[in-house]
């Protein structure tokens, strides 16, 4: 069954904007896929740091707190 979004503000945001992925990207670009996978496994329990879009998305989602209709949906790409 599809999720009804026809009366919502739907915002899509890239994971690299929502979270600071500078270091994982550097590992991937400089050392390749295998080292990147190793890096990801070694750091999987660490929370990601906020990226440039994090405060904006947090404020948008705060609109849902005061409305029973929850008018904002965020899609992470």
PDB file of N, CA and C in Angstrom:
ATOM      1  N   UNK A   1       0.838  -1.168   0.000  1.00  0.00           N
ATOM      2  CA  UNK A   1       0.000   0.000   0.000  1.00  0.00           C
ATOM      3  C   UNK A   1       0.891   1.242   0.000  1.00  0.00           C
ATOM      4  N   UNK A   2       0.694   2.177  -0.917  1.00  0.00           N
ATOM      5  CA  UNK A   2       1.531   3.374  -0.993  1.00  0.00           C
ATOM      6  C   UNK A   2       1.278   4.312   0.189  1.00  0.00           C
ATOM      7  N   UNK A   3       2.309   5.045   0.529  1.00  0.00           N
ATOM      8  CA  UNK A   3       2.228   6.035   1.596  1.00  0.00           C
ATOM      9  C   UNK A   3       1.674   7.331   1.022  1.00  0.00           C
ATOM     10  N   UNK A   4       0.565   7.877   1.550  1.00  0.00           N
ATOM     11  CA  UNK A   4      -0.039   9.089   0.973  1.00  0.00           C
ATOM     12  C   UNK A   4       0.798  10.338   1.275  1.00  0.00           C
ATOM     13  N   UNK A   5       1.269  11.009   0.233  1.00  0.00           N
ATOM     14  CA  UNK A   5       2.082  12.213   0.427  1.00  0.00           C
ATOM     15  C   UNK A   5       1.530  13.404  -0.341  1.00  0.00           C
ATOM     16  N   UNK A   6       0.346  13.277  -0.896  1.00  0.00           N
ATOM     17  CA  UNK A   6      -0.184  14.333  -1.753  1.00  0.00           C
ATOM     18  C   UNK A   6      -0.479  15.638  -1.014  1.00  0.00           C
ATOM     19  N   UNK A   7      -0.573  15.625   0.309  1.00  0.00           N
ATOM     20  CA  UNK A   7      -0.808  16.855   1.056  1.00  0.00           C
ATOM     21  C   UNK A   7       0.340  17.147   2.022  1.00  0.00           C
ATOM     22  N   UNK A   8       1.536  16.730   1.659  1.00  0.00           N
ATOM     23  CA  UNK A   8       2.700  16.936   2.511  1.00  0.00           C
ATOM     24  C   UNK A   8       3.785  17.693   1.748  1.00  0.00           C
ATOM     25  N   UNK A   9       4.634  18.346   2.506  1.00  0.00           N
ATOM     26  CA  UNK A   9       5.851  18.921   1.942  1.00  0.00           C
ATOM     27  C   UNK A   9       6.898  17.813   1.994  1.00  0.00           C
ATOM     28  N   UNK A  10       7.338  17.353   0.837  1.00  0.00           N
ATOM     29  CA  UNK A  10       8.312  16.270   0.766  1.00  0.00           C
ATOM     30  C   UNK A  10       9.648  16.869   0.335  1.00  0.00           C
ATOM     31  N   UNK A  11      10.671  16.646   1.155  1.00  0.00           N
ATOM     32  CA  UNK A  11      11.998  17.180   0.900  1.00  0.00           C
ATOM     33  C   UNK A  11      12.963  16.005   0.794  1.00  0.00           C
ATOM     34  N   UNK A  12      13.706  15.960  -0.305  1.00  0.00           N
ATOM     35  CA  UNK A  12      14.739  14.934  -0.467  1.00  0.00           C
ATOM     36  C   UNK A  12      16.081  15.577  -0.190  1.00  0.00           C
ATOM     37  N   UNK A  13      16.906  14.896   0.584  1.00  0.00           N
ATOM     38  CA  UNK A  13      18.216  15.433   0.941  1.00  0.00           C
ATOM     39  C   UNK A  13      19.256  14.320   0.808  1.00  0.00           C
ATOM     40  N   UNK A  14      20.408  14.681   0.269  1.00  0.00           N
ATOM     41  CA  UNK A  14      21.495  13.717   0.120  1.00  0.00           C
ATOM     42  C   UNK A  14      22.122  13.422   1.483  1.00  0.00           C
ATOM     43  N   UNK A  15      22.508  12.186   1.686  1.00  0.00           N
ATOM     44  CA  UNK A  15      23.139  11.822   2.956  1.00  0.00           C
ATOM     45  C   UNK A  15      24.403  12.639   3.204  1.00  0.00           C
ATOM     46  N   UNK A  16      25.095  13.008   2.136  1.00  0.00           N
ATOM     47  CA  UNK A  16      26.322  13.799   2.294  1.00  0.00           C
ATOM     48  C   UNK A  16      26.039  15.239   2.708  1.00  0.00           C
ATOM     49  N   UNK A  17      24.806  15.704   2.546  1.00  0.00           N
ATOM     50  CA  UNK A  17      24.427  17.037   3.026  1.00  0.00           C
ATOM     51  C   UNK A  17      23.901  16.957   4.459  1.00  0.00           C
ATOM     52  N   UNK A  18      23.211  15.878   4.780  1.00  0.00           N
ATOM     53  CA  UNK A  18      22.659  15.725   6.117  1.00  0.00           C
ATOM     54  C   UNK A  18      23.741  15.362   7.134  1.00  0.00           C
ATOM     55  N   UNK A  19      24.721  14.584   6.694  1.00  0.00           N
ATOM     56  CA  UNK A  19      25.801  14.147   7.579  1.00  0.00           C
ATOM     57  C   UNK A  19      27.158  14.532   6.999  1.00  0.00           C
ATOM     58  N   UNK A  20      28.115  14.733   7.880  1.00  0.00           N
ATOM     59  CA  UNK A  20      29.476  15.055   7.448  1.00  0.00           C
ATOM     60  C   UNK A  20      30.184  13.750   7.067  1.00  0.00           C
ATOM     61  N   UNK A  21      30.293  13.513   5.785  1.00  0.00           N
ATOM     62  CA  UNK A  21      30.921  12.281   5.280  1.00  0.00           C
ATOM     63  C   UNK A  21      32.275  12.568   4.646  1.00  0.00           C
ATOM     64  N   UNK A  22      32.923  13.633   5.094  1.00  0.00           N
ATOM     65  CA  UNK A  22      34.205  14.049   4.525  1.00  0.00           C
ATOM     66  C   UNK A  22      35.258  12.952   4.642  1.00  0.00           C
ATOM     67  N   UNK A  23      35.427  12.414   5.829  1.00  0.00           N
ATOM     68  CA  UNK A  23      36.464  11.407   6.040  1.00  0.00           C
ATOM     69  C   UNK A  23      36.178  10.100   5.293  1.00  0.00           C
ATOM     70  N   UNK A  24      34.970   9.555   5.369  1.00  0.00           N
ATOM     71  CA  UNK A  24      34.706   8.341   4.582  1.00  0.00           C
ATOM     72  C   UNK A  24      34.912   8.563   3.082  1.00  0.00           C
ATOM     73  N   UNK A  25      34.533   9.725   2.584  1.00  0.00           N
ATOM     74  CA  UNK A  25      34.733  10.011   1.163  1.00  0.00           C
ATOM     75  C   UNK A  25      36.222  10.079   0.821  1.00  0.00           C
ATOM     76  N   UNK A  26      37.000  10.681   1.706  1.00  0.00           N
ATOM     77  CA  UNK A  26      38.444  10.756   1.474  1.00  0.00           C
ATOM     78  C   UNK A  26      39.038   9.354   1.397  1.00  0.00           C
ATOM     79  N   UNK A  27      38.643   8.484   2.321  1.00  0.00           N
ATOM     80  CA  UNK A  27      39.153   7.103   2.330  1.00  0.00           C
ATOM     81  C   UNK A  27      38.784   6.418   1.021  1.00  0.00           C
ATOM     82  N   UNK A  28      37.545   6.563   0.580  1.00  0.00           N
ATOM     83  CA  UNK A  28      37.108   5.937  -0.667  1.00  0.00           C
ATOM     84  C   UNK A  28      37.894   6.479  -1.863  1.00  0.00           C
ATOM     85  N   UNK A  29      38.039   7.797  -1.953  1.00  0.00           N
ATOM     86  CA  UNK A  29      38.702   8.415  -3.106  1.00  0.00           C
ATOM     87  C   UNK A  29      40.195   8.105  -3.155  1.00  0.00           C
ATOM     88  N   UNK A  30      40.831   8.074  -2.007  1.00  0.00           N
ATOM     89  CA  UNK A  30      42.289   7.894  -1.977  1.00  0.00           C
ATOM     90  C   UNK A  30      42.719   6.434  -1.878  1.00  0.00           C
ATOM     91  N   UNK A  31      41.917   5.584  -1.242  1.00  0.00           N
ATOM     92  CA  UNK A  31      42.377   4.227  -0.948  1.00  0.00           C
ATOM     93  C   UNK A  31      41.556   3.120  -1.596  1.00  0.00           C
ATOM     94  N   UNK A  32      40.405   3.462  -2.174  1.00  0.00           N
ATOM     95  CA  UNK A  32      39.636   2.463  -2.909  1.00  0.00           C
ATOM     96  C   UNK A  32      38.570   1.764  -2.089  1.00  0.00           C
ATOM     97  N   UNK A  33      37.890   0.861  -2.776  1.00  0.00           N
ATOM     98  CA  UNK A  33      36.696   0.206  -2.252  1.00  0.00           C
ATOM     99  C   UNK A  33      36.972  -0.669  -1.035  1.00  0.00           C
ATOM    100  N   UNK A  34      38.003  -1.488  -1.100  1.00  0.00           N
ATOM    101  CA  UNK A  34      38.268  -2.408   0.015  1.00  0.00           C
ATOM    102  C   UNK A  34      38.600  -1.654   1.302  1.00  0.00           C
ATOM    103  N   UNK A  35      39.435  -0.647   1.210  1.00  0.00           N
ATOM    104  CA  UNK A  35      39.782   0.140   2.396  1.00  0.00           C
ATOM    105  C   UNK A  35      38.562   0.897   2.912  1.00  0.00           C
ATOM    106  N   UNK A  36      37.720   1.355   1.999  1.00  0.00           N
ATOM    107  CA  UNK A  36      36.485   2.045   2.383  1.00  0.00           C
ATOM    108  C   UNK A  36      35.573   1.095   3.153  1.00  0.00           C
ATOM    109  N   UNK A  37      35.420  -0.118   2.674  1.00  0.00           N
ATOM    110  CA  UNK A  37      34.604  -1.102   3.388  1.00  0.00           C
ATOM    111  C   UNK A  37      35.166  -1.381   4.775  1.00  0.00           C
ATOM    112  N   UNK A  38      36.475  -1.501   4.881  1.00  0.00           N
ATOM    113  CA  UNK A  38      37.126  -1.729   6.166  1.00  0.00           C
ATOM    114  C   UNK A  38      36.862  -0.536   7.106  1.00  0.00           C
ATOM    115  N   UNK A  39      36.997   0.656   6.568  1.00  0.00           N
ATOM    116  CA  UNK A  39      36.742   1.872   7.344  1.00  0.00           C
ATOM    117  C   UNK A  39      35.298   1.881   7.858  1.00  0.00           C
ATOM    118  N   UNK A  40      34.371   1.545   6.994  1.00  0.00           N
ATOM    119  CA  UNK A  40      32.949   1.540   7.384  1.00  0.00           C
ATOM    120  C   UNK A  40      32.689   0.528   8.503  1.00  0.00           C
ATOM    121  N   UNK A  41      33.257  -0.667   8.379  1.00  0.00           N
ATOM    122  CA  UNK A  41      33.073  -1.683   9.419  1.00  0.00           C
ATOM    123  C   UNK A  41      33.678  -1.223  10.747  1.00  0.00           C
ATOM    124  N   UNK A  42      34.847  -0.607  10.698  1.00  0.00           N
ATOM    125  CA  UNK A  42      35.523  -0.163  11.921  1.00  0.00           C
ATOM    126  C   UNK A  42      34.786   0.984  12.610  1.00  0.00           C
ATOM    127  N   UNK A  43      34.002   1.742  11.867  1.00  0.00           N
ATOM    128  CA  UNK A  43      33.335   2.920  12.426  1.00  0.00           C
ATOM    129  C   UNK A  43      31.808   2.796  12.470  1.00  0.00           C
ATOM    130  N   UNK A  44      31.269   1.610  12.267  1.00  0.00           N
ATOM    131  CA  UNK A  44      29.822   1.460  12.162  1.00  0.00           C
ATOM    132  C   UNK A  44      29.067   1.806  13.444  1.00  0.00           C
ATOM    133  N   UNK A  45      29.696   1.735  14.601  1.00  0.00           N
ATOM    134  CA  UNK A  45      29.020   2.051  15.857  1.00  0.00           C
ATOM    135  C   UNK A  45      29.088   3.537  16.211  1.00  0.00           C
ATOM    136  N   UNK A  46      29.842   4.308  15.453  1.00  0.00           N
ATOM    137  CA  UNK A  46      29.998   5.734  15.732  1.00  0.00           C
ATOM    138  C   UNK A  46      28.889   6.536  15.039  1.00  0.00           C
ATOM    139  N   UNK A  47      28.207   7.393  15.781  1.00  0.00           N
ATOM    140  CA  UNK A  47      27.184   8.231  15.137  1.00  0.00           C
ATOM    141  C   UNK A  47      27.822   9.193  14.138  1.00  0.00           C
ATOM    142  N   UNK A  48      27.119   9.451  13.051  1.00  0.00           N
ATOM    143  CA  UNK A  48      27.607  10.403  12.062  1.00  0.00           C
ATOM    144  C   UNK A  48      27.441  11.819  12.595  1.00  0.00           C
ATOM    145  N   UNK A  49      28.392  12.668  12.271  1.00  0.00           N
ATOM    146  CA  UNK A  49      28.315  14.068  12.673  1.00  0.00           C
ATOM    147  C   UNK A  49      27.354  14.818  11.749  1.00  0.00           C
ATOM    148  N   UNK A  50      26.719  15.863  12.255  1.00  0.00           N
ATOM    149  CA  UNK A  50      25.801  16.641  11.413  1.00  0.00           C
ATOM    150  C   UNK A  50      26.522  17.301  10.245  1.00  0.00           C
ATOM    151  N   UNK A  51      25.841  17.353   9.107  1.00  0.00           N
ATOM    152  CA  UNK A  51      26.353  18.043   7.932  1.00  0.00           C
ATOM    153  C   UNK A  51      25.693  19.402   7.781  1.00  0.00           C
ATOM    154  N   UNK A  52      25.925  20.042   6.650  1.00  0.00           N
ATOM    155  CA  UNK A  52      25.437  21.415   6.454  1.00  0.00           C
ATOM    156  C   UNK A  52      23.911  21.506   6.438  1.00  0.00           C
ATOM    157  N   UNK A  53      23.217  20.472   6.007  1.00  0.00           N
ATOM    158  CA  UNK A  53      21.749  20.522   5.926  1.00  0.00           C
ATOM    159  C   UNK A  53      21.061  20.078   7.214  1.00  0.00           C
ATOM    160  N   UNK A  54      21.816  19.562   8.155  1.00  0.00           N
ATOM    161  CA  UNK A  54      21.219  19.004   9.377  1.00  0.00           C
ATOM    162  C   UNK A  54      20.348  20.002  10.141  1.00  0.00           C
ATOM    163  N   UNK A  55      20.827  21.218  10.426  1.00  0.00           N
ATOM    164  CA  UNK A  55      19.980  22.169  11.160  1.00  0.00           C
ATOM    165  C   UNK A  55      18.689  22.524  10.411  1.00  0.00           C
ATOM    166  N   UNK A  56      18.789  22.668   9.098  1.00  0.00           N
ATOM    167  CA  UNK A  56      17.616  22.980   8.286  1.00  0.00           C
ATOM    168  C   UNK A  56      16.583  21.862   8.348  1.00  0.00           C
ATOM    169  N   UNK A  57      17.013  20.629   8.186  1.00  0.00           N
ATOM    170  CA  UNK A  57      16.098  19.482   8.215  1.00  0.00           C
ATOM    171  C   UNK A  57      15.500  19.314   9.610  1.00  0.00           C
ATOM    172  N   UNK A  58      16.296  19.541  10.640  1.00  0.00           N
ATOM    173  CA  UNK A  58      15.778  19.456  12.006  1.00  0.00           C
ATOM    174  C   UNK A  58      14.651  20.478  12.223  1.00  0.00           C
ATOM    175  N   UNK A  59      14.854  21.697  11.734  1.00  0.00           N
ATOM    176  CA  UNK A  59      13.814  22.724  11.876  1.00  0.00           C
ATOM    177  C   UNK A  59      12.564  22.374  11.076  1.00  0.00           C
ATOM    178  N   UNK A  60      12.759  21.864   9.873  1.00  0.00           N
ATOM    179  CA  UNK A  60      11.596  21.442   9.082  1.00  0.00           C
ATOM    180  C   UNK A  60      10.804  20.358   9.809  1.00  0.00           C
ATOM    181  N   UNK A  61      11.495  19.372  10.322  1.00  0.00           N
ATOM    182  CA  UNK A  61      10.804  18.272  10.999  1.00  0.00           C
ATOM    183  C   UNK A  61      10.155  18.720  12.305  1.00  0.00           C
ATOM    184  N   UNK A  62      10.622  19.815  12.884  1.00  0.00           N
ATOM    185  CA  UNK A  62       9.997  20.309  14.107  1.00  0.00           C
ATOM    186  C   UNK A  62       8.563  20.787  13.840  1.00  0.00           C
ATOM    187  N   UNK A  63       8.240  21.084  12.576  1.00  0.00           N
ATOM    188  CA  UNK A  63       6.863  21.445  12.225  1.00  0.00           C
ATOM    189  C   UNK A  63       5.899  20.288  12.491  1.00  0.00           C
ATOM    190  N   UNK A  64       6.406  19.080  12.427  1.00  0.00           N
ATOM    191  CA  UNK A  64       5.565  17.902  12.665  1.00  0.00           C
ATOM    192  C   UNK A  64       5.138  17.774  14.121  1.00  0.00           C
ATOM    193  N   UNK A  65       5.921  18.337  15.041  1.00  0.00           N
ATOM    194  CA  UNK A  65       5.619  18.213  16.467  1.00  0.00           C
ATOM    195  C   UNK A  65       4.320  18.924  16.820  1.00  0.00           C
ATOM    196  N   UNK A  66       4.104  20.076  16.214  1.00  0.00           N
ATOM    197  CA  UNK A  66       2.925  20.867  16.566  1.00  0.00           C
ATOM    198  C   UNK A  66       1.700  20.559  15.706  1.00  0.00           C
ATOM    199  N   UNK A  67       1.811  19.620  14.795  1.00  0.00           N
ATOM    200  CA  UNK A  67       0.689  19.309  13.917  1.00  0.00           C
ATOM    201  C   UNK A  67       0.397  17.807  13.924  1.00  0.00           C
ATOM    202  N   UNK A  68      -0.843  17.442  14.193  1.00  0.00           N
ATOM    203  CA  UNK A  68      -1.175  16.016  14.181  1.00  0.00           C
ATOM    204  C   UNK A  68      -1.093  15.397  12.776  1.00  0.00           C
ATOM    205  N   UNK A  69      -1.135  16.246  11.743  1.00  0.00           N
ATOM    206  CA  UNK A  69      -1.064  15.738  10.376  1.00  0.00           C
ATOM    207  C   UNK A  69       0.355  15.435   9.922  1.00  0.00           C
ATOM    208  N   UNK A  70       1.346  15.880  10.678  1.00  0.00           N
ATOM    209  CA  UNK A  70       2.756  15.739  10.307  1.00  0.00           C
ATOM    210  C   UNK A  70       2.967  16.111   8.841  1.00  0.00           C
ATOM    211  N   UNK A  71       2.966  17.405   8.539  1.00  0.00           N
ATOM    212  CA  UNK A  71       2.974  17.877   7.158  1.00  0.00           C
ATOM    213  C   UNK A  71       4.296  17.751   6.416  1.00  0.00           C
ATOM    214  N   UNK A  72       5.383  17.371   7.108  1.00  0.00           N
ATOM    215  CA  UNK A  72       6.695  17.328   6.461  1.00  0.00           C
ATOM    216  C   UNK A  72       7.212  15.904   6.424  1.00  0.00           C
ATOM    217  N   UNK A  73       7.685  15.496   5.252  1.00  0.00           N
ATOM    218  CA  UNK A  73       8.353  14.197   5.084  1.00  0.00           C
ATOM    219  C   UNK A  73       9.736  14.461   4.514  1.00  0.00           C
ATOM    220  N   UNK A  74      10.734  13.784   5.038  1.00  0.00           N
ATOM    221  CA  UNK A  74      12.105  13.918   4.523  1.00  0.00           C
ATOM    222  C   UNK A  74      12.518  12.565   3.970  1.00  0.00           C
ATOM    223  N   UNK A  75      13.040  12.608   2.760  1.00  0.00           N
ATOM    224  CA  UNK A  75      13.542  11.393   2.111  1.00  0.00           C
ATOM    225  C   UNK A  75      15.059  11.505   2.038  1.00  0.00           C
ATOM    226  N   UNK A  76      15.749  10.538   2.574  1.00  0.00           N
ATOM    227  CA  UNK A  76      17.205  10.533   2.564  1.00  0.00           C
ATOM    228  C   UNK A  76      17.692   9.776   1.332  1.00  0.00           C
ATOM    229  N   UNK A  77      18.504  10.457   0.531  1.00  0.00           N
ATOM    230  CA  UNK A  77      19.035   9.839  -0.686  1.00  0.00           C
ATOM    231  C   UNK A  77      20.440   9.348  -0.457  1.00  0.00           C
TER     232      UNK A  77
END
